[in-house]
Amino acid sequence: MPEPPTPAYVQPPPHPAEGRVRLLFGSSPLDGVLVVSARGQWMLPLLPAAQIPLSRETARVVCRSMGAGLREAAWQPTDPFAYPWPELEGMPLESLSCAGGEASLTGCSMLPAPTPALDATPVAVACVQAGEEDKQNDMVGEKGTG
């Protein structure tokens, strides 16, 4: 039996515009591992474990910049290991934070790190409808206790 086609949201499009974001390897284009376009290529932001998960405000900016429409709230899985990691060049960061009103991550504070922290990991984000983030967090808690 032939394998089904790979969904388009598993690979980022070629030649990205600077500052664009995508979420890869999730169950939809609105959840997965965060990749960011920088210097003409898709890169994998790597944050120290203490910076994971992203703040709600930063995740909202990610979702808004992806054109998530009514998906104004954001929930971040606490475990980026729940997804495969894209084989992309890493972008080591000491921190990534937004106030929440920025149109894209280019308006946020991204503090580059000279080298990745020893515990640096990619960032996972899921965009959900307002009010759904608590339900999603409850589901993760249930998975973690089993």
C-alpha atoms as a PDB file:
ATOM      1  CA  MET A   1       0.000   0.000   0.000  1.00  0.00           C
ATOM      2  CA  PRO A   2       1.512   3.401  -0.943  1.00  0.00           C
ATOM      3  CA  GLU A   3       2.371   5.781   1.879  1.00  0.00           C
ATOM      4  CA  PRO A   4       0.219   8.911   2.237  1.00  0.00           C
ATOM      5  CA  PRO A   5       1.798  12.189   1.110  1.00  0.00           C
ATOM      6  CA  THR A   6       3.769  14.137   3.706  1.00  0.00           C
ATOM      7  CA  PRO A   7       1.735  17.114   4.994  1.00  0.00           C
ATOM      8  CA  ALA A   8       2.993  20.506   3.822  1.00  0.00           C
ATOM      9  CA  TYR A   9       3.527  21.690   7.406  1.00  0.00           C
ATOM     10  CA  VAL A  10       6.301  19.153   7.994  1.00  0.00           C
ATOM     11  CA  GLN A  11       8.816  21.097   5.877  1.00  0.00           C
ATOM     12  CA  PRO A  12       9.175  24.895   5.782  1.00  0.00           C
ATOM     13  CA  PRO A  13       8.851  26.597   2.395  1.00  0.00           C
ATOM     14  CA  PRO A  14      12.105  27.522   0.623  1.00  0.00           C
ATOM     15  CA  HIS A  15      13.450  31.102   0.515  1.00  0.00           C
ATOM     16  CA  PRO A  16      11.636  32.561   3.522  1.00  0.00           C
ATOM     17  CA  ALA A  17      11.100  36.255   4.117  1.00  0.00           C
ATOM     18  CA  GLU A  18      13.097  37.554   7.095  1.00  0.00           C
ATOM     19  CA  GLY A  19      11.371  37.095  10.443  1.00  0.00           C
ATOM     20  CA  ARG A  20       8.734  34.592   9.301  1.00  0.00           C
ATOM     21  CA  VAL A  21       7.857  31.722  11.597  1.00  0.00           C
ATOM     22  CA  ARG A  22       6.557  28.193  11.069  1.00  0.00           C
ATOM     23  CA  LEU A  23       5.641  25.332  13.362  1.00  0.00           C
ATOM     24  CA  LEU A  24       6.772  21.917  12.124  1.00  0.00           C
ATOM     25  CA  PHE A  25       6.007  18.283  12.969  1.00  0.00           C
ATOM     26  CA  GLY A  26       2.773  18.974  14.843  1.00  0.00           C
ATOM     27  CA  SER A  27      -0.664  17.582  14.130  1.00  0.00           C
ATOM     28  CA  SER A  28      -1.527  20.779  12.190  1.00  0.00           C
ATOM     29  CA  PRO A  29       0.273  23.874  10.863  1.00  0.00           C
ATOM     30  CA  LEU A  30      -0.599  25.578  14.174  1.00  0.00           C
ATOM     31  CA  ASP A  31       1.449  23.402  16.502  1.00  0.00           C
ATOM     32  CA  GLY A  32       4.921  21.954  16.528  1.00  0.00           C
ATOM     33  CA  VAL A  33       8.560  22.965  16.743  1.00  0.00           C
ATOM     34  CA  LEU A  34       9.219  26.660  16.085  1.00  0.00           C
ATOM     35  CA  VAL A  35      11.465  27.595  13.163  1.00  0.00           C
ATOM     36  CA  VAL A  36      12.335  31.203  12.283  1.00  0.00           C
ATOM     37  CA  SER A  37      13.663  32.706   9.068  1.00  0.00           C
ATOM     38  CA  ALA A  38      16.922  34.567   9.531  1.00  0.00           C
ATOM     39  CA  ARG A  39      19.730  35.408   7.127  1.00  0.00           C
ATOM     40  CA  GLY A  40      17.746  33.972   4.205  1.00  0.00           C
ATOM     41  CA  GLN A  41      17.220  30.505   5.677  1.00  0.00           C
ATOM     42  CA  TRP A  42      15.047  28.645   8.167  1.00  0.00           C
ATOM     43  CA  MET A  43      16.728  28.266  11.543  1.00  0.00           C
ATOM     44  CA  LEU A  44      15.908  26.399  14.727  1.00  0.00           C
ATOM     45  CA  PRO A  45      15.837  28.683  17.812  1.00  0.00           C
ATOM     46  CA  LEU A  46      17.593  26.977  20.732  1.00  0.00           C
ATOM     47  CA  LEU A  47      16.811  28.254  24.215  1.00  0.00           C
ATOM     48  CA  PRO A  48      18.177  27.241  27.615  1.00  0.00           C
ATOM     49  CA  ALA A  49      15.838  24.897  29.498  1.00  0.00           C
ATOM     50  CA  ALA A  50      15.031  27.696  31.980  1.00  0.00           C
ATOM     51  CA  GLN A  51      13.457  29.671  29.084  1.00  0.00           C
ATOM     52  CA  ILE A  52      11.136  26.778  28.106  1.00  0.00           C
ATOM     53  CA  PRO A  53       8.195  27.012  27.722  1.00  0.00           C
ATOM     54  CA  LEU A  54       7.853  30.426  26.118  1.00  0.00           C
ATOM     55  CA  SER A  55       5.777  32.995  27.952  1.00  0.00           C
ATOM     56  CA  ARG A  56       2.107  33.192  26.980  1.00  0.00           C
ATOM     57  CA  GLU A  57       2.768  36.649  25.468  1.00  0.00           C
ATOM     58  CA  THR A  58       5.611  35.370  23.292  1.00  0.00           C
ATOM     59  CA  ALA A  59       3.574  32.376  22.150  1.00  0.00           C
ATOM     60  CA  ARG A  60       0.679  34.703  21.246  1.00  0.00           C
ATOM     61  CA  VAL A  61       3.022  36.685  18.998  1.00  0.00           C
ATOM     62  CA  VAL A  62       4.154  33.458  17.306  1.00  0.00           C
ATOM     63  CA  CYS A  63       0.524  32.464  16.683  1.00  0.00           C
ATOM     64  CA  ARG A  64      -0.487  35.943  15.503  1.00  0.00           C
ATOM     65  CA  SER A  65       2.479  36.219  13.131  1.00  0.00           C
ATOM     66  CA  MET A  66       1.445  32.920  11.544  1.00  0.00           C
ATOM     67  CA  GLY A  67      -1.941  34.409  10.701  1.00  0.00           C
ATOM     68  CA  ALA A  68      -3.786  32.205  13.168  1.00  0.00           C
ATOM     69  CA  GLY A  69      -6.802  34.541  12.920  1.00  0.00           C
ATOM     70  CA  LEU A  70      -9.150  34.025  15.835  1.00  0.00           C
ATOM     71  CA  ARG A  71      -6.614  31.833  17.572  1.00  0.00           C
ATOM     72  CA  GLU A  72      -5.596  34.601  19.936  1.00  0.00           C
ATOM     73  CA  ALA A  73      -4.489  32.503  22.870  1.00  0.00           C
ATOM     74  CA  ALA A  74      -1.493  30.252  22.815  1.00  0.00           C
ATOM     75  CA  TRP A  75      -0.451  27.233  24.805  1.00  0.00           C
ATOM     76  CA  GLN A  76       3.026  25.804  24.712  1.00  0.00           C
ATOM     77  CA  PRO A  77       3.695  22.127  25.295  1.00  0.00           C
ATOM     78  CA  THR A  78       6.169  21.925  28.167  1.00  0.00           C
ATOM     79  CA  ASP A  79       8.017  19.093  26.470  1.00  0.00           C
ATOM     80  CA  PRO A  80       9.737  19.989  23.177  1.00  0.00           C
ATOM     81  CA  PHE A  81      10.852  16.342  23.058  1.00  0.00           C
ATOM     82  CA  ALA A  82       7.269  15.409  22.117  1.00  0.00           C
ATOM     83  CA  TYR A  83       8.115  16.400  18.520  1.00  0.00           C
ATOM     84  CA  PRO A  84      10.879  15.440  16.100  1.00  0.00           C
ATOM     85  CA  TRP A  85      13.413  18.208  15.606  1.00  0.00           C
ATOM     86  CA  PRO A  86      14.028  19.599  12.112  1.00  0.00           C
ATOM     87  CA  GLU A  87      17.517  19.202  10.729  1.00  0.00           C
ATOM     88  CA  LEU A  88      18.160  22.914  10.413  1.00  0.00           C
ATOM     89  CA  GLU A  89      20.957  25.212  11.523  1.00  0.00           C
ATOM     90  CA  GLY A  90      20.538  26.137  15.174  1.00  0.00           C
ATOM     91  CA  MET A  91      20.043  29.728  16.316  1.00  0.00           C
ATOM     92  CA  PRO A  92      21.335  29.817  19.932  1.00  0.00           C
ATOM     93  CA  LEU A  93      19.484  32.356  22.068  1.00  0.00           C
ATOM     94  CA  GLU A  94      19.916  33.360  25.698  1.00  0.00           C
ATOM     95  CA  SER A  95      16.317  34.569  25.771  1.00  0.00           C
ATOM     96  CA  LEU A  96      13.280  35.284  23.613  1.00  0.00           C
ATOM     97  CA  SER A  97      10.536  37.477  25.036  1.00  0.00           C
ATOM     98  CA  CYS A  98       7.641  39.554  23.767  1.00  0.00           C
ATOM     99  CA  ALA A  99       5.254  41.954  25.498  1.00  0.00           C
ATOM    100  CA  GLY A 100       2.368  40.389  23.567  1.00  0.00           C
ATOM    101  CA  GLY A 101       1.335  43.208  21.241  1.00  0.00           C
ATOM    102  CA  GLU A 102       4.082  42.783  18.640  1.00  0.00           C
ATOM    103  CA  ALA A 103       3.024  41.865  15.100  1.00  0.00           C
ATOM    104  CA  SER A 104       5.906  39.396  14.711  1.00  0.00           C
ATOM    105  CA  LEU A 105       8.965  38.052  16.514  1.00  0.00           C
ATOM    106  CA  THR A 106      11.110  40.724  14.834  1.00  0.00           C
ATOM    107  CA  GLY A 107       9.561  43.224  17.285  1.00  0.00           C
ATOM    108  CA  CYS A 108      10.436  41.075  20.304  1.00  0.00           C
ATOM    109  CA  SER A 109      13.592  40.848  22.359  1.00  0.00           C
ATOM    110  CA  MET A 110      15.843  38.083  21.014  1.00  0.00           C
ATOM    111  CA  LEU A 111      19.130  37.919  22.867  1.00  0.00           C
ATOM    112  CA  PRO A 112      21.622  35.845  20.839  1.00  0.00           C
ATOM    113  CA  ALA A 113      23.952  33.479  22.666  1.00  0.00           C
ATOM    114  CA  PRO A 114      27.547  33.067  21.471  1.00  0.00           C
ATOM    115  CA  THR A 115      27.137  29.295  21.825  1.00  0.00           C
ATOM    116  CA  PRO A 116      24.144  27.121  22.707  1.00  0.00           C
ATOM    117  CA  ALA A 117      23.663  26.396  26.400  1.00  0.00           C
ATOM    118  CA  LEU A 118      24.427  22.785  27.324  1.00  0.00           C
ATOM    119  CA  ASP A 119      20.717  22.254  28.009  1.00  0.00           C
ATOM    120  CA  ALA A 120      19.511  24.236  24.953  1.00  0.00           C
ATOM    121  CA  THR A 121      16.439  22.821  23.230  1.00  0.00           C
ATOM    122  CA  PRO A 122      14.101  23.827  20.432  1.00  0.00           C
ATOM    123  CA  VAL A 123      10.815  25.545  21.271  1.00  0.00           C
ATOM    124  CA  ALA A 124       7.415  23.891  20.844  1.00  0.00           C
ATOM    125  CA  VAL A 125       4.256  26.002  20.487  1.00  0.00           C
ATOM    126  CA  ALA A 126       0.603  25.175  19.905  1.00  0.00           C
ATOM    127  CA  CYS A 127      -1.924  27.825  18.847  1.00  0.00           C
ATOM    128  CA  VAL A 128      -5.422  27.234  20.226  1.00  0.00           C
ATOM    129  CA  GLN A 129      -8.740  29.062  20.427  1.00  0.00           C
ATOM    130  CA  ALA A 130      -9.139  31.457  23.354  1.00  0.00           C
ATOM    131  CA  GLY A 131     -10.268  29.454  26.375  1.00  0.00           C
ATOM    132  CA  GLU A 132      -8.892  26.161  25.039  1.00  0.00           C
ATOM    133  CA  GLU A 133      -5.412  26.500  26.546  1.00  0.00           C
ATOM    134  CA  ASP A 134      -6.524  25.266  29.991  1.00  0.00           C
ATOM    135  CA  LYS A 135      -8.084  22.181  28.430  1.00  0.00           C
ATOM    136  CA  GLN A 136      -4.864  21.509  26.494  1.00  0.00           C
ATOM    137  CA  ASN A 137      -2.733  21.966  29.638  1.00  0.00           C
ATOM    138  CA  ASP A 138      -4.967  19.511  31.526  1.00  0.00           C
ATOM    139  CA  MET A 139      -4.439  16.956  28.744  1.00  0.00           C
ATOM    140  CA  VAL A 140      -0.652  17.289  29.021  1.00  0.00           C
ATOM    141  CA  GLY A 141      -0.843  16.868  32.800  1.00  0.00           C
ATOM    142  CA  GLU A 142      -2.815  13.665  32.323  1.00  0.00           C
ATOM    143  CA  LYS A 143      -0.223  12.348  29.854  1.00  0.00           C
ATOM    144  CA  GLY A 144       2.595  13.172  32.257  1.00  0.00           C
ATOM    145  CA  THR A 145       1.036  11.240  35.138  1.00  0.00           C
ATOM    146  CA  GLY A 146       0.515   7.984  33.243  1.00  0.00           C
END
